[in-house]
Amino acid sequence: MRKTEFACGEHYHIFNRGVDKRKIFLSDRDYQRFLISMELLNDERDGLMEEWRNFKKNNPKATFPDFRELGSRKPLVSFVVFCANPNHYHFILRQRKQKGIERFMHKLGTSYTNYFNVKNKRKGSLFQGKFKAIYIDSNEYLLYLSAYINKNNFIHGYNKNDSWKYSSLQEYLSSEGRGLCDKKVVLGQFANRKEYADFMEKNAQYLKKKKEDEKYLLE
């Protein structure tokens, strides 16, 4: 039984990684499939992934934003921040419906594992057990985590600048990005995007150095 009980309106840090620390994203296609799944599986209804495939088949030149505008949505959770890295992912989620986080994460994990296994002709678990969840119990912790997740690719050394496509970073730095996140809870506490960018950079530099120092101590 999961120790964390999810409450509607509250924020949680959700994360997981590949079994045996294996890579869970091997190509841009894998990342894009995961990101689209994040949006289409975040609904009380099932079948939106199939609707998207049929829509794309019938409208080859259409883009995902075109499909996004069709119909009303009943999301289970709200995304605040996200990042997908080669062997793990991080979210900050706010639960919107009863058991919304559990329902969404079950759908996401099952769907992506099935896709990955079929594509790579493998069987078995892809993720390291059930997803991990930590309750975000203060505003300070929320802001700290937002910086940590938005700049997670930099902290882990996957990318040396702010061009990582598989996170919410671009949504926070500019009006670009997927438009997936509810950013008001974070950006509303800063005078402008520049001030938040400086906050992220300061924390990311500290965390990267701390991670490198710990590596040397272990060696």
C-alpha atoms as a PDB file:
ATOM      1  CA  MET A   1       0.000   0.000   0.000  1.00  0.00           C
ATOM      2  CA  ARG A   2       1.326   3.424  -0.945  1.00  0.00           C
ATOM      3  CA  LYS A   3       2.280   5.569   2.057  1.00  0.00           C
ATOM      4  CA  THR A   4       1.455   8.877   0.351  1.00  0.00           C
ATOM      5  CA  GLU A   5      -2.252   9.683   0.256  1.00  0.00           C
ATOM      6  CA  PHE A   6      -2.995  12.175  -2.485  1.00  0.00           C
ATOM      7  CA  ALA A   7      -5.353  15.081  -1.743  1.00  0.00           C
ATOM      8  CA  CYS A   8      -7.071  17.242  -4.329  1.00  0.00           C
ATOM      9  CA  GLY A   9      -5.571  20.714  -4.644  1.00  0.00           C
ATOM     10  CA  GLU A  10      -2.201  19.671  -3.197  1.00  0.00           C
ATOM     11  CA  HIS A  11       1.155  19.450  -4.995  1.00  0.00           C
ATOM     12  CA  TYR A  12       3.395  16.381  -5.235  1.00  0.00           C
ATOM     13  CA  HIS A  13       6.833  15.588  -6.613  1.00  0.00           C
ATOM     14  CA  ILE A  14       6.417  12.501  -8.802  1.00  0.00           C
ATOM     15  CA  PHE A  15       9.415  10.672 -10.243  1.00  0.00           C
ATOM     16  CA  ASN A  16      10.736   7.342 -11.450  1.00  0.00           C
ATOM     17  CA  ARG A  17      13.577   5.867 -13.477  1.00  0.00           C
ATOM     18  CA  GLY A  18      14.288   2.886 -15.673  1.00  0.00           C
ATOM     19  CA  VAL A  19      14.715  -0.531 -14.130  1.00  0.00           C
ATOM     20  CA  ASP A  20      18.421  -1.182 -13.421  1.00  0.00           C
ATOM     21  CA  LYS A  21      18.942   2.508 -14.303  1.00  0.00           C
ATOM     22  CA  ARG A  22      18.435   1.650 -17.973  1.00  0.00           C
ATOM     23  CA  LYS A  23      17.522   4.308 -20.535  1.00  0.00           C
ATOM     24  CA  ILE A  24      13.793   4.720 -21.045  1.00  0.00           C
ATOM     25  CA  PHE A  25      14.116   7.190 -23.942  1.00  0.00           C
ATOM     26  CA  LEU A  26      16.279   6.126 -26.867  1.00  0.00           C
ATOM     27  CA  SER A  27      15.233   8.669 -29.499  1.00  0.00           C
ATOM     28  CA  ASP A  28      13.340  11.879 -30.114  1.00  0.00           C
ATOM     29  CA  ARG A  29      10.367   9.735 -31.108  1.00  0.00           C
ATOM     30  CA  ASP A  30      10.340   8.152 -27.642  1.00  0.00           C
ATOM     31  CA  TYR A  31      10.381  11.530 -25.904  1.00  0.00           C
ATOM     32  CA  GLN A  32       7.611  12.875 -28.136  1.00  0.00           C
ATOM     33  CA  ARG A  33       5.468   9.787 -27.515  1.00  0.00           C
ATOM     34  CA  PHE A  34       5.891  10.244 -23.752  1.00  0.00           C
ATOM     35  CA  LEU A  35       5.040  13.960 -23.884  1.00  0.00           C
ATOM     36  CA  ILE A  36       1.921  13.405 -25.987  1.00  0.00           C
ATOM     37  CA  SER A  37       0.889  10.606 -23.613  1.00  0.00           C
ATOM     38  CA  MET A  38       1.292  12.980 -20.670  1.00  0.00           C
ATOM     39  CA  GLU A  39      -1.398  15.182 -22.170  1.00  0.00           C
ATOM     40  CA  LEU A  40      -3.803  12.680 -23.733  1.00  0.00           C
ATOM     41  CA  LEU A  41      -3.833  10.226 -20.823  1.00  0.00           C
ATOM     42  CA  ASN A  42      -4.489  13.043 -18.362  1.00  0.00           C
ATOM     43  CA  ASP A  43      -8.257  12.788 -18.703  1.00  0.00           C
ATOM     44  CA  GLU A  44     -11.158  11.041 -17.014  1.00  0.00           C
ATOM     45  CA  ARG A  45     -12.019   9.547 -20.384  1.00  0.00           C
ATOM     46  CA  ASP A  46     -10.066   6.800 -22.093  1.00  0.00           C
ATOM     47  CA  GLY A  47      -9.397   6.527 -25.809  1.00  0.00           C
ATOM     48  CA  LEU A  48      -7.853   9.930 -26.552  1.00  0.00           C
ATOM     49  CA  MET A  49      -4.636   8.329 -27.818  1.00  0.00           C
ATOM     50  CA  GLU A  50      -6.661   6.406 -30.408  1.00  0.00           C
ATOM     51  CA  GLU A  51      -8.605   9.563 -31.305  1.00  0.00           C
ATOM     52  CA  TRP A  52      -5.307  11.364 -31.925  1.00  0.00           C
ATOM     53  CA  ARG A  53      -4.017   8.573 -34.172  1.00  0.00           C
ATOM     54  CA  ASN A  54      -7.243   8.600 -36.203  1.00  0.00           C
ATOM     55  CA  PHE A  55      -7.214  12.394 -36.409  1.00  0.00           C
ATOM     56  CA  LYS A  56      -3.635  12.390 -37.692  1.00  0.00           C
ATOM     57  CA  LYS A  57      -4.435   9.647 -40.193  1.00  0.00           C
ATOM     58  CA  ASN A  58      -7.342  11.647 -41.601  1.00  0.00           C
ATOM     59  CA  ASN A  59      -5.503  14.984 -41.402  1.00  0.00           C
ATOM     60  CA  PRO A  60      -1.835  14.264 -42.306  1.00  0.00           C
ATOM     61  CA  LYS A  61      -0.813  17.929 -42.264  1.00  0.00           C
ATOM     62  CA  ALA A  62      -2.436  18.651 -38.909  1.00  0.00           C
ATOM     63  CA  THR A  63      -0.350  19.268 -35.808  1.00  0.00           C
ATOM     64  CA  PHE A  64      -0.947  18.283 -32.222  1.00  0.00           C
ATOM     65  CA  PRO A  65      -2.183  21.797 -31.252  1.00  0.00           C
ATOM     66  CA  ASP A  66      -4.915  21.387 -33.889  1.00  0.00           C
ATOM     67  CA  PHE A  67      -6.107  18.246 -32.158  1.00  0.00           C
ATOM     68  CA  ARG A  68      -5.778  19.832 -28.721  1.00  0.00           C
ATOM     69  CA  GLU A  69      -8.447  22.390 -29.640  1.00  0.00           C
ATOM     70  CA  LEU A  70     -11.056  19.702 -30.349  1.00  0.00           C
ATOM     71  CA  GLY A  71     -13.518  18.844 -27.593  1.00  0.00           C
ATOM     72  CA  SER A  72     -13.558  19.577 -23.883  1.00  0.00           C
ATOM     73  CA  ARG A  73     -11.127  18.013 -21.449  1.00  0.00           C
ATOM     74  CA  LYS A  74     -11.567  16.584 -17.945  1.00  0.00           C
ATOM     75  CA  PRO A  75      -7.995  16.438 -16.586  1.00  0.00           C
ATOM     76  CA  LEU A  76      -7.073  14.285 -13.619  1.00  0.00           C
ATOM     77  CA  VAL A  77      -4.067  16.412 -12.644  1.00  0.00           C
ATOM     78  CA  SER A  78      -2.424  19.733 -13.446  1.00  0.00           C
ATOM     79  CA  PHE A  79       1.229  19.833 -14.479  1.00  0.00           C
ATOM     80  CA  VAL A  80       3.295  22.544 -12.832  1.00  0.00           C
ATOM     81  CA  VAL A  81       6.781  21.443 -13.962  1.00  0.00           C
ATOM     82  CA  PHE A  82       8.142  18.408 -15.814  1.00  0.00           C
ATOM     83  CA  CYS A  83      11.387  17.028 -17.191  1.00  0.00           C
ATOM     84  CA  ALA A  84      12.164  13.829 -19.096  1.00  0.00           C
ATOM     85  CA  ASN A  85      15.801  12.710 -19.094  1.00  0.00           C
ATOM     86  CA  PRO A  86      17.347   9.633 -20.753  1.00  0.00           C
ATOM     87  CA  ASN A  87      16.763   7.277 -17.804  1.00  0.00           C
ATOM     88  CA  HIS A  88      14.288   9.083 -15.540  1.00  0.00           C
ATOM     89  CA  TYR A  89      11.556  11.707 -15.300  1.00  0.00           C
ATOM     90  CA  HIS A  90      10.280  14.269 -12.785  1.00  0.00           C
ATOM     91  CA  PHE A  91       6.878  15.968 -12.436  1.00  0.00           C
ATOM     92  CA  ILE A  92       5.290  18.415 -10.067  1.00  0.00           C
ATOM     93  CA  LEU A  93       1.586  17.572 -10.162  1.00  0.00           C
ATOM     94  CA  ARG A  94      -1.464  19.073  -8.508  1.00  0.00           C
ATOM     95  CA  GLN A  95      -4.281  16.569  -8.091  1.00  0.00           C
ATOM     96  CA  ARG A  96      -7.612  17.712  -9.552  1.00  0.00           C
ATOM     97  CA  LYS A  97      -9.817  14.620  -9.262  1.00  0.00           C
ATOM     98  CA  GLN A  98     -10.110  12.016  -6.518  1.00  0.00           C
ATOM     99  CA  LYS A  99      -7.328   9.467  -7.064  1.00  0.00           C
ATOM    100  CA  GLY A 100      -6.305  11.550 -10.085  1.00  0.00           C
ATOM    101  CA  ILE A 101      -2.559  11.107  -9.642  1.00  0.00           C
ATOM    102  CA  GLU A 102      -2.803   7.351  -9.221  1.00  0.00           C
ATOM    103  CA  ARG A 103      -5.142   6.987 -12.208  1.00  0.00           C
ATOM    104  CA  PHE A 104      -3.019   9.169 -14.464  1.00  0.00           C
ATOM    105  CA  MET A 105       0.305   7.613 -13.505  1.00  0.00           C
ATOM    106  CA  HIS A 106      -1.072   4.098 -13.977  1.00  0.00           C
ATOM    107  CA  LYS A 107      -2.272   4.978 -17.477  1.00  0.00           C
ATOM    108  CA  LEU A 108       0.985   6.719 -18.372  1.00  0.00           C
ATOM    109  CA  GLY A 109       3.257   3.950 -17.073  1.00  0.00           C
ATOM    110  CA  THR A 110       1.257   1.172 -18.726  1.00  0.00           C
ATOM    111  CA  SER A 111       0.893   2.950 -22.057  1.00  0.00           C
ATOM    112  CA  TYR A 112       4.523   3.986 -22.381  1.00  0.00           C
ATOM    113  CA  THR A 113       5.867   0.600 -21.270  1.00  0.00           C
ATOM    114  CA  ASN A 114       3.695  -1.158 -23.866  1.00  0.00           C
ATOM    115  CA  TYR A 115       4.866   1.249 -26.576  1.00  0.00           C
ATOM    116  CA  PHE A 116       8.545   0.880 -25.615  1.00  0.00           C
ATOM    117  CA  ASN A 117       8.425  -2.905 -25.371  1.00  0.00           C
ATOM    118  CA  VAL A 118       6.704  -3.373 -28.728  1.00  0.00           C
ATOM    119  CA  LYS A 119       9.048  -0.907 -30.438  1.00  0.00           C
ATOM    120  CA  ASN A 120      12.163  -2.551 -28.989  1.00  0.00           C
ATOM    121  CA  LYS A 121      10.936  -6.166 -29.018  1.00  0.00           C
ATOM    122  CA  ARG A 122      11.360  -6.652 -25.288  1.00  0.00           C
ATOM    123  CA  LYS A 123       9.189  -7.843 -22.397  1.00  0.00           C
ATOM    124  CA  GLY A 124       8.834  -7.033 -18.730  1.00  0.00           C
ATOM    125  CA  SER A 125       8.949  -3.952 -16.545  1.00  0.00           C
ATOM    126  CA  LEU A 126      10.473  -0.757 -17.860  1.00  0.00           C
ATOM    127  CA  PHE A 127      10.323   1.367 -14.711  1.00  0.00           C
ATOM    128  CA  GLN A 128      11.878   0.713 -11.320  1.00  0.00           C
ATOM    129  CA  GLY A 129       8.752  -0.310  -9.454  1.00  0.00           C
ATOM    130  CA  LYS A 130       5.873   2.037  -8.697  1.00  0.00           C
ATOM    131  CA  PHE A 131       6.376   5.740  -9.231  1.00  0.00           C
ATOM    132  CA  LYS A 132       7.780   7.655  -6.256  1.00  0.00           C
ATOM    133  CA  ALA A 133       5.808  10.499  -4.672  1.00  0.00           C
ATOM    134  CA  ILE A 134       6.711  13.188  -2.132  1.00  0.00           C
ATOM    135  CA  TYR A 135       4.218  15.670  -0.734  1.00  0.00           C
ATOM    136  CA  ILE A 136       5.315  19.282  -1.263  1.00  0.00           C
ATOM    137  CA  ASP A 137       4.583  20.754   2.152  1.00  0.00           C
ATOM    138  CA  SER A 138       5.773  24.358   1.738  1.00  0.00           C
ATOM    139  CA  ASN A 139       5.963  27.116  -0.818  1.00  0.00           C
ATOM    140  CA  GLU A 140       9.749  27.287  -0.432  1.00  0.00           C
ATOM    141  CA  TYR A 141      10.010  23.600  -1.296  1.00  0.00           C
ATOM    142  CA  LEU A 142       7.727  24.094  -4.314  1.00  0.00           C
ATOM    143  CA  LEU A 143       9.937  26.873  -5.720  1.00  0.00           C
ATOM    144  CA  TYR A 144      13.134  24.932  -5.052  1.00  0.00           C
ATOM    145  CA  LEU A 145      11.760  21.834  -6.798  1.00  0.00           C
ATOM    146  CA  SER A 146      10.530  23.854  -9.748  1.00  0.00           C
ATOM    147  CA  ALA A 147      14.086  25.082 -10.343  1.00  0.00           C
ATOM    148  CA  TYR A 148      15.543  21.612  -9.773  1.00  0.00           C
ATOM    149  CA  ILE A 149      13.192  19.959 -12.272  1.00  0.00           C
ATOM    150  CA  ASN A 150      13.240  22.676 -14.920  1.00  0.00           C
ATOM    151  CA  LYS A 151      17.060  22.598 -14.933  1.00  0.00           C
ATOM    152  CA  ASN A 152      17.390  18.878 -14.223  1.00  0.00           C
ATOM    153  CA  ASN A 153      19.008  18.107 -17.568  1.00  0.00           C
ATOM    154  CA  PHE A 154      21.713  20.699 -16.846  1.00  0.00           C
ATOM    155  CA  ILE A 155      22.287  19.463 -13.295  1.00  0.00           C
ATOM    156  CA  HIS A 156      22.813  15.910 -14.578  1.00  0.00           C
ATOM    157  CA  GLY A 157      25.024  17.066 -17.434  1.00  0.00           C
ATOM    158  CA  TYR A 158      22.750  16.071 -20.331  1.00  0.00           C
ATOM    159  CA  ASN A 159      22.690  19.598 -21.713  1.00  0.00           C
ATOM    160  CA  LYS A 160      24.938  22.606 -21.119  1.00  0.00           C
ATOM    161  CA  ASN A 161      22.406  25.334 -21.959  1.00  0.00           C
ATOM    162  CA  ASP A 162      18.653  25.929 -21.909  1.00  0.00           C
ATOM    163  CA  SER A 163      17.797  24.188 -25.186  1.00  0.00           C
ATOM    164  CA  TRP A 164      16.532  20.883 -23.726  1.00  0.00           C
ATOM    165  CA  LYS A 165      13.267  20.148 -25.560  1.00  0.00           C
ATOM    166  CA  TYR A 166      11.853  17.567 -23.200  1.00  0.00           C
ATOM    167  CA  SER A 167      11.007  19.691 -20.173  1.00  0.00           C
ATOM    168  CA  SER A 168       8.851  22.646 -19.169  1.00  0.00           C
ATOM    169  CA  LEU A 169      11.887  24.950 -19.124  1.00  0.00           C
ATOM    170  CA  GLN A 170      10.995  26.788 -22.336  1.00  0.00           C
ATOM    171  CA  GLU A 171       7.478  27.420 -21.028  1.00  0.00           C
ATOM    172  CA  TYR A 172       8.999  29.229 -18.057  1.00  0.00           C
ATOM    173  CA  LEU A 173      11.660  31.145 -19.968  1.00  0.00           C
ATOM    174  CA  SER A 174       9.359  32.389 -22.743  1.00  0.00           C
ATOM    175  CA  SER A 175       5.942  31.929 -24.275  1.00  0.00           C
ATOM    176  CA  GLU A 176       7.284  28.986 -26.287  1.00  0.00           C
ATOM    177  CA  GLY A 177       7.068  25.326 -25.324  1.00  0.00           C
ATOM    178  CA  ARG A 178       4.184  22.872 -25.237  1.00  0.00           C
ATOM    179  CA  GLY A 179       1.878  24.992 -23.109  1.00  0.00           C
ATOM    180  CA  LEU A 180       1.245  21.994 -20.895  1.00  0.00           C
ATOM    181  CA  CYS A 181       1.899  23.554 -17.486  1.00  0.00           C
ATOM    182  CA  ASP A 182      -0.003  25.742 -15.060  1.00  0.00           C
ATOM    183  CA  LYS A 183       2.813  28.188 -14.362  1.00  0.00           C
ATOM    184  CA  LYS A 184       0.947  30.774 -12.294  1.00  0.00           C
ATOM    185  CA  VAL A 185       1.696  29.160  -8.949  1.00  0.00           C
ATOM    186  CA  VAL A 186       5.446  29.610  -9.593  1.00  0.00           C
ATOM    187  CA  LEU A 187       5.824  32.592 -11.947  1.00  0.00           C
ATOM    188  CA  GLY A 188       3.240  34.570  -9.994  1.00  0.00           C
ATOM    189  CA  GLN A 189       5.763  34.855  -7.166  1.00  0.00           C
ATOM    190  CA  PHE A 190       8.372  36.626  -9.309  1.00  0.00           C
ATOM    191  CA  ALA A 191       8.372  40.077 -10.870  1.00  0.00           C
ATOM    192  CA  ASN A 192       8.979  38.634 -14.347  1.00  0.00           C
ATOM    193  CA  ARG A 193      10.415  35.651 -16.202  1.00  0.00           C
ATOM    194  CA  LYS A 194      13.937  37.076 -15.958  1.00  0.00           C
ATOM    195  CA  GLU A 195      13.806  37.103 -12.171  1.00  0.00           C
ATOM    196  CA  TYR A 196      12.660  33.490 -12.127  1.00  0.00           C
ATOM    197  CA  ALA A 197      15.337  32.533 -14.679  1.00  0.00           C
ATOM    198  CA  ASP A 198      17.977  34.011 -12.369  1.00  0.00           C
ATOM    199  CA  PHE A 199      16.490  32.069  -9.452  1.00  0.00           C
ATOM    200  CA  MET A 200      16.648  28.831 -11.444  1.00  0.00           C
ATOM    201  CA  GLU A 201      20.197  29.445 -12.610  1.00  0.00           C
ATOM    202  CA  LYS A 202      21.484  30.187  -9.118  1.00  0.00           C
ATOM    203  CA  ASN A 203      19.948  27.028  -7.693  1.00  0.00           C
ATOM    204  CA  ALA A 204      20.993  24.875 -10.647  1.00  0.00           C
ATOM    205  CA  GLN A 205      24.629  25.949 -10.402  1.00  0.00           C
ATOM    206  CA  TYR A 206      24.647  25.147  -6.680  1.00  0.00           C
ATOM    207  CA  LEU A 207      23.006  21.746  -7.176  1.00  0.00           C
ATOM    208  CA  LYS A 208      25.297  20.785 -10.054  1.00  0.00           C
ATOM    209  CA  LYS A 209      28.384  21.624  -7.995  1.00  0.00           C
ATOM    210  CA  LYS A 210      26.999  19.720  -5.015  1.00  0.00           C
ATOM    211  CA  LYS A 211      26.363  16.672  -7.209  1.00  0.00           C
ATOM    212  CA  GLU A 212      29.899  16.819  -8.623  1.00  0.00           C
ATOM    213  CA  ASP A 213      31.437  17.194  -5.149  1.00  0.00           C
ATOM    214  CA  GLU A 214      29.506  14.163  -3.878  1.00  0.00           C
ATOM    215  CA  LYS A 215      30.779  12.128  -6.850  1.00  0.00           C
ATOM    216  CA  TYR A 216      34.384  12.954  -6.000  1.00  0.00           C
ATOM    217  CA  LEU A 217      33.824  12.080  -2.339  1.00  0.00           C
ATOM    218  CA  LEU A 218      32.473   8.656  -3.334  1.00  0.00           C
ATOM    219  CA  GLU A 219      35.474   8.064  -5.576  1.00  0.00           C
END
